[in-house]
Amino acid sequence: FALKYKMPTIKLTDDAVIILKKHRWNGNIR
């Protein structure tokens, strides 16, 4: 999306990565 919209790539903090992995993601990859 950074390439598509021509903007800097977003990055997650270490704590945010933990939250990201703990989320259930019922909609999965989509």
Full PDB file with SEQRES, HELIX, SHEET, SSBOND, CRYST1, ORIGX, SCALE, CONECT and MASTER records, all heavy atoms in Angstrom:
SEQRES   1 A   30  PHE ALA LEU LYS TYR LYS MET PRO THR ILE LYS LEU THR          
SEQRES   2 A   30  ASP ASP ALA VAL ILE ILE LEU LYS LYS HIS ARG TRP ASN          
SEQRES   3 A   30  GLY ASN ILE ARG                                              
HELIX    1 AA1 ALA A    2  TYR A    5  1                                   4    
HELIX    2 AA2 ASP A   14  LYS A   22  1                                   9    
CRYST1    1.000    1.000    1.000  90.00  90.00  90.00 P 1           1          
ORIGX1      1.000000  0.000000  0.000000        0.00000                         
ORIGX2      0.000000  1.000000  0.000000        0.00000                         
ORIGX3      0.000000  0.000000  1.000000        0.00000                         
SCALE1      1.000000  0.000000  0.000000        0.00000                         
SCALE2      0.000000  1.000000  0.000000        0.00000                         
SCALE3      0.000000  0.000000  1.000000        0.00000                         
ATOM      1  N   PHE A   1       0.824  -1.216   0.000  1.00  0.00           N  
ATOM      2  CA  PHE A   1       0.000   0.000   0.000  1.00  0.00           C  
ATOM      3  C   PHE A   1       0.858   1.266   0.000  1.00  0.00           C  
ATOM      4  O   PHE A   1       0.425   2.299  -0.514  1.00  0.00           O  
ATOM      5  CB  PHE A   1      -0.960  -0.006   1.201  1.00  0.00           C  
ATOM      6  CG  PHE A   1      -2.028  -1.069   1.105  1.00  0.00           C  
ATOM      7  CD1 PHE A   1      -2.231  -1.973   2.133  1.00  0.00           C  
ATOM      8  CD2 PHE A   1      -2.810  -1.177  -0.034  1.00  0.00           C  
ATOM      9  CE1 PHE A   1      -3.198  -2.955   2.033  1.00  0.00           C  
ATOM     10  CE2 PHE A   1      -3.790  -2.159  -0.144  1.00  0.00           C  
ATOM     11  CZ  PHE A   1      -3.975  -3.048   0.900  1.00  0.00           C  
ATOM     12  N   ALA A   2       2.049   1.188   0.561  1.00  0.00           N  
ATOM     13  CA  ALA A   2       2.965   2.338   0.512  1.00  0.00           C  
ATOM     14  C   ALA A   2       3.354   2.642  -0.939  1.00  0.00           C  
ATOM     15  O   ALA A   2       3.396   3.804  -1.362  1.00  0.00           O  
ATOM     16  CB  ALA A   2       4.206   2.062   1.349  1.00  0.00           C  
ATOM     17  N   LEU A   3       3.604   1.582  -1.714  1.00  0.00           N  
ATOM     18  CA  LEU A   3       3.922   1.764  -3.135  1.00  0.00           C  
ATOM     19  C   LEU A   3       2.699   2.243  -3.921  1.00  0.00           C  
ATOM     20  O   LEU A   3       2.803   3.102  -4.800  1.00  0.00           O  
ATOM     21  CB  LEU A   3       4.433   0.437  -3.729  1.00  0.00           C  
ATOM     22  CG  LEU A   3       5.816  -0.036  -3.268  1.00  0.00           C  
ATOM     23  CD1 LEU A   3       6.098  -1.438  -3.795  1.00  0.00           C  
ATOM     24  CD2 LEU A   3       6.896   0.923  -3.752  1.00  0.00           C  
ATOM     25  N   LYS A   4       1.563   1.683  -3.594  1.00  0.00           N  
ATOM     26  CA  LYS A   4       0.339   2.025  -4.317  1.00  0.00           C  
ATOM     27  C   LYS A   4      -0.061   3.478  -4.117  1.00  0.00           C  
ATOM     28  O   LYS A   4      -0.449   4.176  -5.070  1.00  0.00           O  
ATOM     29  CB  LYS A   4      -0.799   1.100  -3.858  1.00  0.00           C  
ATOM     30  CG  LYS A   4      -2.124   1.338  -4.566  1.00  0.00           C  
ATOM     31  CD  LYS A   4      -3.168   0.349  -4.075  1.00  0.00           C  
ATOM     32  CE  LYS A   4      -4.516   0.594  -4.759  1.00  0.00           C  
ATOM     33  NZ  LYS A   4      -5.550  -0.361  -4.298  1.00  0.00           N  
ATOM     34  N   TYR A   5      -0.001   3.939  -2.871  1.00  0.00           N  
ATOM     35  CA  TYR A   5      -0.444   5.312  -2.560  1.00  0.00           C  
ATOM     36  C   TYR A   5       0.724   6.306  -2.470  1.00  0.00           C  
ATOM     37  O   TYR A   5       0.527   7.463  -2.088  1.00  0.00           O  
ATOM     38  CB  TYR A   5      -1.239   5.308  -1.248  1.00  0.00           C  
ATOM     39  CG  TYR A   5      -2.477   4.449  -1.323  1.00  0.00           C  
ATOM     40  CD1 TYR A   5      -2.627   3.341  -0.478  1.00  0.00           C  
ATOM     41  CD2 TYR A   5      -3.489   4.717  -2.241  1.00  0.00           C  
ATOM     42  CE1 TYR A   5      -3.755   2.540  -0.542  1.00  0.00           C  
ATOM     43  CE2 TYR A   5      -4.625   3.918  -2.306  1.00  0.00           C  
ATOM     44  CZ  TYR A   5      -4.752   2.837  -1.458  1.00  0.00           C  
ATOM     45  OH  TYR A   5      -5.870   2.039  -1.527  1.00  0.00           O  
ATOM     46  N   LYS A   6       1.952   5.810  -2.766  1.00  0.00           N  
ATOM     47  CA  LYS A   6       3.145   6.666  -2.799  1.00  0.00           C  
ATOM     48  C   LYS A   6       3.340   7.434  -1.496  1.00  0.00           C  
ATOM     49  O   LYS A   6       3.328   8.670  -1.448  1.00  0.00           O  
ATOM     50  CB  LYS A   6       3.050   7.645  -3.972  1.00  0.00           C  
ATOM     51  CG  LYS A   6       3.006   6.929  -5.316  1.00  0.00           C  
ATOM     52  CD  LYS A   6       2.857   7.897  -6.476  1.00  0.00           C  
ATOM     53  CE  LYS A   6       2.790   7.142  -7.802  1.00  0.00           C  
ATOM     54  NZ  LYS A   6       2.582   8.047  -8.945  1.00  0.00           N  
ATOM     55  N   MET A   7       3.507   6.689  -0.439  1.00  0.00           N  
ATOM     56  CA  MET A   7       3.710   7.260   0.896  1.00  0.00           C  
ATOM     57  C   MET A   7       4.629   6.334   1.691  1.00  0.00           C  
ATOM     58  O   MET A   7       4.819   5.176   1.306  1.00  0.00           O  
ATOM     59  CB  MET A   7       2.362   7.426   1.624  1.00  0.00           C  
ATOM     60  CG  MET A   7       1.535   6.168   1.703  1.00  0.00           C  
ATOM     61  SD  MET A   7      -0.026   6.384   2.597  1.00  0.00           S  
ATOM     62  CE  MET A   7      -0.827   7.607   1.591  1.00  0.00           C  
ATOM     63  N   PRO A   8       5.220   6.826   2.792  1.00  0.00           N  
ATOM     64  CA  PRO A   8       6.121   5.989   3.592  1.00  0.00           C  
ATOM     65  C   PRO A   8       5.395   4.770   4.168  1.00  0.00           C  
ATOM     66  O   PRO A   8       4.197   4.816   4.445  1.00  0.00           O  
ATOM     67  CB  PRO A   8       6.587   6.931   4.713  1.00  0.00           C  
ATOM     68  CG  PRO A   8       6.360   8.300   4.177  1.00  0.00           C  
ATOM     69  CD  PRO A   8       5.167   8.218   3.291  1.00  0.00           C  
ATOM     70  N   THR A   9       6.127   3.702   4.353  1.00  0.00           N  
ATOM     71  CA  THR A   9       5.553   2.459   4.892  1.00  0.00           C  
ATOM     72  C   THR A   9       5.299   2.596   6.393  1.00  0.00           C  
ATOM     73  O   THR A   9       6.134   3.126   7.121  1.00  0.00           O  
ATOM     74  CB  THR A   9       6.518   1.282   4.656  1.00  0.00           C  
ATOM     75  OG1 THR A   9       6.852   1.226   3.269  1.00  0.00           O  
ATOM     76  CG2 THR A   9       5.895  -0.031   5.070  1.00  0.00           C  
ATOM     77  N   ILE A  10       4.158   2.103   6.842  1.00  0.00           N  
ATOM     78  CA  ILE A  10       3.856   2.145   8.278  1.00  0.00           C  
ATOM     79  C   ILE A  10       4.618   1.033   8.995  1.00  0.00           C  
ATOM     80  O   ILE A  10       4.907  -0.017   8.410  1.00  0.00           O  
ATOM     81  CB  ILE A  10       2.341   1.991   8.538  1.00  0.00           C  
ATOM     82  CG1 ILE A  10       1.800   0.687   7.922  1.00  0.00           C  
ATOM     83  CG2 ILE A  10       1.577   3.189   8.031  1.00  0.00           C  
ATOM     84  CD1 ILE A  10       0.370   0.383   8.311  1.00  0.00           C  
ATOM     85  N   LYS A  11       4.949   1.280  10.267  1.00  0.00           N  
ATOM     86  CA  LYS A  11       5.637   0.291  11.085  1.00  0.00           C  
ATOM     87  C   LYS A  11       4.957   0.201  12.440  1.00  0.00           C  
ATOM     88  O   LYS A  11       4.490   1.213  12.983  1.00  0.00           O  
ATOM     89  CB  LYS A  11       7.105   0.683  11.268  1.00  0.00           C  
ATOM     90  CG  LYS A  11       7.912   0.629   9.970  1.00  0.00           C  
ATOM     91  CD  LYS A  11       9.362   0.992  10.218  1.00  0.00           C  
ATOM     92  CE  LYS A  11      10.171   0.951   8.921  1.00  0.00           C  
ATOM     93  NZ  LYS A  11      11.594   1.316   9.137  1.00  0.00           N  
ATOM     94  N   LEU A  12       4.929  -1.000  12.999  1.00  0.00           N  
ATOM     95  CA  LEU A  12       4.295  -1.223  14.292  1.00  0.00           C  
ATOM     96  C   LEU A  12       5.347  -1.229  15.398  1.00  0.00           C  
ATOM     97  O   LEU A  12       6.469  -1.705  15.200  1.00  0.00           O  
ATOM     98  CB  LEU A  12       3.554  -2.568  14.306  1.00  0.00           C  
ATOM     99  CG  LEU A  12       2.415  -2.765  13.301  1.00  0.00           C  
ATOM    100  CD1 LEU A  12       1.861  -4.176  13.430  1.00  0.00           C  
ATOM    101  CD2 LEU A  12       1.303  -1.750  13.514  1.00  0.00           C  
ATOM    102  N   THR A  13       4.971  -0.703  16.554  1.00  0.00           N  
ATOM    103  CA  THR A  13       5.840  -0.815  17.731  1.00  0.00           C  
ATOM    104  C   THR A  13       5.813  -2.260  18.221  1.00  0.00           C  
ATOM    105  O   THR A  13       4.952  -3.052  17.817  1.00  0.00           O  
ATOM    106  CB  THR A  13       5.369   0.122  18.850  1.00  0.00           C  
ATOM    107  OG1 THR A  13       4.050  -0.296  19.267  1.00  0.00           O  
ATOM    108  CG2 THR A  13       5.323   1.566  18.377  1.00  0.00           C  
ATOM    109  N   ASP A  14       6.744  -2.613  19.104  1.00  0.00           N  
ATOM    110  CA  ASP A  14       6.810  -3.989  19.612  1.00  0.00           C  
ATOM    111  C   ASP A  14       5.528  -4.389  20.328  1.00  0.00           C  
ATOM    112  O   ASP A  14       5.046  -5.527  20.180  1.00  0.00           O  
ATOM    113  CB  ASP A  14       8.003  -4.137  20.571  1.00  0.00           C  
ATOM    114  CG  ASP A  14       9.336  -4.004  19.836  1.00  0.00           C  
ATOM    115  OD1 ASP A  14       9.338  -4.166  18.599  1.00  0.00           O  
ATOM    116  OD2 ASP A  14      10.359  -3.740  20.509  1.00  0.00           O  
ATOM    117  N   ASP A  15       4.973  -3.454  21.130  1.00  0.00           N  
ATOM    118  CA  ASP A  15       3.710  -3.739  21.830  1.00  0.00           C  
ATOM    119  C   ASP A  15       2.562  -3.926  20.849  1.00  0.00           C  
ATOM    120  O   ASP A  15       1.680  -4.767  21.048  1.00  0.00           O  
ATOM    121  CB  ASP A  15       3.380  -2.612  22.816  1.00  0.00           C  
ATOM    122  CG  ASP A  15       4.350  -2.560  23.988  1.00  0.00           C  
ATOM    123  OD1 ASP A  15       5.006  -3.602  24.231  1.00  0.00           O  
ATOM    124  OD2 ASP A  15       4.455  -1.502  24.636  1.00  0.00           O  
ATOM    125  N   ALA A  16       2.561  -3.132  19.792  1.00  0.00           N  
ATOM    126  CA  ALA A  16       1.499  -3.239  18.783  1.00  0.00           C  
ATOM    127  C   ALA A  16       1.575  -4.573  18.045  1.00  0.00           C  
ATOM    128  O   ALA A  16       0.543  -5.149  17.679  1.00  0.00           O  
ATOM    129  CB  ALA A  16       1.601  -2.073  17.799  1.00  0.00           C  
ATOM    130  N   VAL A  17       2.796  -5.077  17.837  1.00  0.00           N  
ATOM    131  CA  VAL A  17       2.955  -6.383  17.180  1.00  0.00           C  
ATOM    132  C   VAL A  17       2.329  -7.478  18.031  1.00  0.00           C  
ATOM    133  O   VAL A  17       1.665  -8.393  17.513  1.00  0.00           O  
ATOM    134  CB  VAL A  17       4.452  -6.683  16.934  1.00  0.00           C  
ATOM    135  CG1 VAL A  17       4.639  -8.124  16.457  1.00  0.00           C  
ATOM    136  CG2 VAL A  17       5.022  -5.721  15.905  1.00  0.00           C  
ATOM    137  N   ILE A  18       2.505  -7.397  19.350  1.00  0.00           N  
ATOM    138  CA  ILE A  18       1.914  -8.385  20.275  1.00  0.00           C  
ATOM    139  C   ILE A  18       0.392  -8.344  20.190  1.00  0.00           C  
ATOM    140  O   ILE A  18      -0.272  -9.378  20.134  1.00  0.00           O  
ATOM    141  CB  ILE A  18       2.389  -8.124  21.723  1.00  0.00           C  
ATOM    142  CG1 ILE A  18       3.902  -8.352  21.827  1.00  0.00           C  
ATOM    143  CG2 ILE A  18       1.646  -9.020  22.710  1.00  0.00           C  
ATOM    144  CD1 ILE A  18       4.505  -7.936  23.156  1.00  0.00           C  
ATOM    145  N   ILE A  19      -0.175  -7.129  20.172  1.00  0.00           N  
ATOM    146  CA  ILE A  19      -1.626  -6.967  20.059  1.00  0.00           C  
ATOM    147  C   ILE A  19      -2.112  -7.522  18.723  1.00  0.00           C  
ATOM    148  O   ILE A  19      -3.150  -8.182  18.648  1.00  0.00           O  
ATOM    149  CB  ILE A  19      -2.018  -5.471  20.185  1.00  0.00           C  
ATOM    150  CG1 ILE A  19      -1.675  -4.946  21.582  1.00  0.00           C  
ATOM    151  CG2 ILE A  19      -3.501  -5.273  19.887  1.00  0.00           C  
ATOM    152  CD1 ILE A  19      -2.396  -5.645  22.710  1.00  0.00           C  
ATOM    153  N   LEU A  20      -1.352  -7.260  17.669  1.00  0.00           N  
ATOM    154  CA  LEU A  20      -1.716  -7.744  16.333  1.00  0.00           C  
ATOM    155  C   LEU A  20      -1.814  -9.270  16.313  1.00  0.00           C  
ATOM    156  O   LEU A  20      -2.744  -9.839  15.735  1.00  0.00           O  
ATOM    157  CB  LEU A  20      -0.671  -7.269  15.317  1.00  0.00           C  
ATOM    158  CG  LEU A  20      -0.983  -7.535  13.843  1.00  0.00           C  
ATOM    159  CD1 LEU A  20      -1.966  -6.492  13.324  1.00  0.00           C  
ATOM    160  CD2 LEU A  20       0.288  -7.508  13.003  1.00  0.00           C  
ATOM    161  N   LYS A  21      -0.867  -9.940  16.963  1.00  0.00           N  
ATOM    162  CA  LYS A  21      -0.847 -11.401  16.968  1.00  0.00           C  
ATOM    163  C   LYS A  21      -1.941 -11.993  17.864  1.00  0.00           C  
ATOM    164  O   LYS A  21      -2.406 -13.112  17.613  1.00  0.00           O  
ATOM    165  CB  LYS A  21       0.524 -11.894  17.446  1.00  0.00           C  
ATOM    166  CG  LYS A  21       1.644 -11.637  16.453  1.00  0.00           C  
ATOM    167  CD  LYS A  21       2.965 -12.171  16.985  1.00  0.00           C  
ATOM    168  CE  LYS A  21       4.105 -11.965  16.004  1.00  0.00           C  
ATOM    169  NZ  LYS A  21       5.387 -12.489  16.514  1.00  0.00           N  
ATOM    170  N   LYS A  22      -2.328 -11.255  18.901  1.00  0.00           N  
ATOM    171  CA  LYS A  22      -3.343 -11.766  19.829  1.00  0.00           C  
ATOM    172  C   LYS A  22      -4.757 -11.628  19.292  1.00  0.00           C  
ATOM    173  O   LYS A  22      -5.671 -12.298  19.763  1.00  0.00           O  
ATOM    174  CB  LYS A  22      -3.255 -11.028  21.175  1.00  0.00           C  
ATOM    175  CG  LYS A  22      -2.105 -11.483  22.045  1.00  0.00           C  
ATOM    176  CD  LYS A  22      -2.174 -10.789  23.402  1.00  0.00           C  
ATOM    177  CE  LYS A  22      -1.078 -11.292  24.337  1.00  0.00           C  
ATOM    178  NZ  LYS A  22      -1.137 -10.616  25.644  1.00  0.00           N  
ATOM    179  N   HIS A  23      -4.946 -10.747  18.317  1.00  0.00           N  
ATOM    180  CA  HIS A  23      -6.295 -10.529  17.791  1.00  0.00           C  
ATOM    181  C   HIS A  23      -6.818 -11.786  17.099  1.00  0.00           C  
ATOM    182  O   HIS A  23      -6.049 -12.549  16.512  1.00  0.00           O  
ATOM    183  CB  HIS A  23      -6.302  -9.356  16.802  1.00  0.00           C  
ATOM    184  CG  HIS A  23      -7.688  -8.920  16.433  1.00  0.00           C  
ATOM    185  ND1 HIS A  23      -8.536  -8.314  17.327  1.00  0.00           N  
ATOM    186  CD2 HIS A  23      -8.367  -9.011  15.266  1.00  0.00           C  
ATOM    187  CE1 HIS A  23      -9.678  -8.042  16.719  1.00  0.00           C  
ATOM    188  NE2 HIS A  23      -9.601  -8.460  15.469  1.00  0.00           N  
ATOM    189  N   ARG A  24      -8.120 -12.007  17.152  1.00  0.00           N  
ATOM    190  CA  ARG A  24      -8.721 -13.243  16.649  1.00  0.00           C  
ATOM    191  C   ARG A  24      -8.775 -13.290  15.117  1.00  0.00           C  
ATOM    192  O   ARG A  24      -8.701 -14.366  14.528  1.00  0.00           O  
ATOM    193  CB  ARG A  24     -10.142 -13.401  17.221  1.00  0.00           C  
ATOM    194  CG  ARG A  24     -10.756 -14.737  16.873  1.00  0.00           C  
ATOM    195  CD  ARG A  24     -12.006 -15.004  17.689  1.00  0.00           C  
ATOM    196  NE  ARG A  24     -12.598 -16.274  17.309  1.00  0.00           N  
ATOM    197  CZ  ARG A  24     -12.169 -17.464  17.708  1.00  0.00           C  
ATOM    198  NH1 ARG A  24     -11.134 -17.540  18.512  1.00  0.00           N  
ATOM    199  NH2 ARG A  24     -12.753 -18.568  17.310  1.00  0.00           N  
ATOM    200  N   TRP A  25      -8.946 -12.186  14.439  1.00  0.00           N  
ATOM    201  CA  TRP A  25      -8.998 -12.112  12.970  1.00  0.00           C  
ATOM    202  C   TRP A  25     -10.029 -13.070  12.382  1.00  0.00           C  
ATOM    203  O   TRP A  25      -9.702 -13.991  11.636  1.00  0.00           O  
ATOM    204  CB  TRP A  25      -7.606 -12.368  12.362  1.00  0.00           C  
ATOM    205  CG  TRP A  25      -6.569 -11.384  12.787  1.00  0.00           C  
ATOM    206  CD1 TRP A  25      -5.505 -11.604  13.590  1.00  0.00           C  
ATOM    207  CD2 TRP A  25      -6.522  -9.980  12.444  1.00  0.00           C  
ATOM    208  NE1 TRP A  25      -4.789 -10.443  13.783  1.00  0.00           N  
ATOM    209  CE2 TRP A  25      -5.399  -9.435  13.083  1.00  0.00           C  
ATOM    210  CE3 TRP A  25      -7.331  -9.144  11.658  1.00  0.00           C  
ATOM    211  CZ2 TRP A  25      -5.057  -8.086  12.981  1.00  0.00           C  
ATOM    212  CZ3 TRP A  25      -6.994  -7.811  11.557  1.00  0.00           C  
ATOM    213  CH2 TRP A  25      -5.867  -7.287  12.215  1.00  0.00           C  
ATOM    214  N   ASN A  26     -11.286 -12.812  12.723  1.00  0.00           N  
ATOM    215  CA  ASN A  26     -12.371 -13.653  12.203  1.00  0.00           C  
ATOM    216  C   ASN A  26     -12.475 -13.581  10.686  1.00  0.00           C  
ATOM    217  O   ASN A  26     -12.929 -14.529  10.048  1.00  0.00           O  
ATOM    218  CB  ASN A  26     -13.707 -13.251  12.839  1.00  0.00           C  
ATOM    219  CG  ASN A  26     -13.758 -13.585  14.314  1.00  0.00           C  
ATOM    220  OD1 ASN A  26     -13.234 -14.604  14.735  1.00  0.00           O  
ATOM    221  ND2 ASN A  26     -14.373 -12.737  15.102  1.00  0.00           N  
ATOM    222  N   GLY A  27     -12.083 -12.431  10.104  1.00  0.00           N  
ATOM    223  CA  GLY A  27     -12.103 -12.292   8.651  1.00  0.00           C  
ATOM    224  C   GLY A  27     -10.834 -12.772   7.984  1.00  0.00           C  
ATOM    225  O   GLY A  27     -10.683 -12.662   6.763  1.00  0.00           O  
ATOM    226  N   ASN A  28      -9.891 -13.273   8.796  1.00  0.00           N  
ATOM    227  CA  ASN A  28      -8.625 -13.855   8.326  1.00  0.00           C  
ATOM    228  C   ASN A  28      -7.804 -12.871   7.487  1.00  0.00           C  
ATOM    229  O   ASN A  28      -7.755 -11.688   7.816  1.00  0.00           O  
ATOM    230  CB  ASN A  28      -8.911 -15.159   7.573  1.00  0.00           C  
ATOM    231  CG  ASN A  28      -9.463 -16.220   8.504  1.00  0.00           C  
ATOM    232  OD1 ASN A  28      -8.768 -16.694   9.392  1.00  0.00           O  
ATOM    233  ND2 ASN A  28     -10.724 -16.572   8.329  1.00  0.00           N  
ATOM    234  N   ILE A  29      -7.173 -13.341   6.408  1.00  0.00           N  
ATOM    235  CA  ILE A  29      -6.237 -12.514   5.645  1.00  0.00           C  
ATOM    236  C   ILE A  29      -6.941 -11.306   5.037  1.00  0.00           C  
ATOM    237  O   ILE A  29      -6.383 -10.210   4.967  1.00  0.00           O  
ATOM    238  CB  ILE A  29      -5.563 -13.359   4.543  1.00  0.00           C  
ATOM    239  CG1 ILE A  29      -4.717 -14.458   5.194  1.00  0.00           C  
ATOM    240  CG2 ILE A  29      -4.692 -12.494   3.645  1.00  0.00           C  
ATOM    241  CD1 ILE A  29      -4.124 -15.456   4.220  1.00  0.00           C  
ATOM    242  N   ARG A  30      -8.189 -11.486   4.624  1.00  0.00           N  
ATOM    243  CA  ARG A  30      -8.947 -10.382   4.034  1.00  0.00           C  
ATOM    244  C   ARG A  30      -9.118  -9.239   5.047  1.00  0.00           C  
ATOM    245  O   ARG A  30      -8.964  -8.068   4.713  1.00  0.00           O  
ATOM    246  CB  ARG A  30     -10.311 -10.879   3.567  1.00  0.00           C  
ATOM    247  CG  ARG A  30     -11.084  -9.886   2.733  1.00  0.00           C  
ATOM    248  CD  ARG A  30     -12.395 -10.468   2.270  1.00  0.00           C  
ATOM    249  NE  ARG A  30     -12.201 -11.564   1.342  1.00  0.00           N  
ATOM    250  CZ  ARG A  30     -12.691 -12.787   1.513  1.00  0.00           C  
ATOM    251  NH1 ARG A  30     -13.385 -13.070   2.596  1.00  0.00           N  
ATOM    252  NH2 ARG A  30     -12.501 -13.717   0.620  1.00  0.00           N  
TER     253      ARG A  30                                                      
MASTER        0    0    0    2    0    0    0    6  252    1    0    3          
END                                                                             
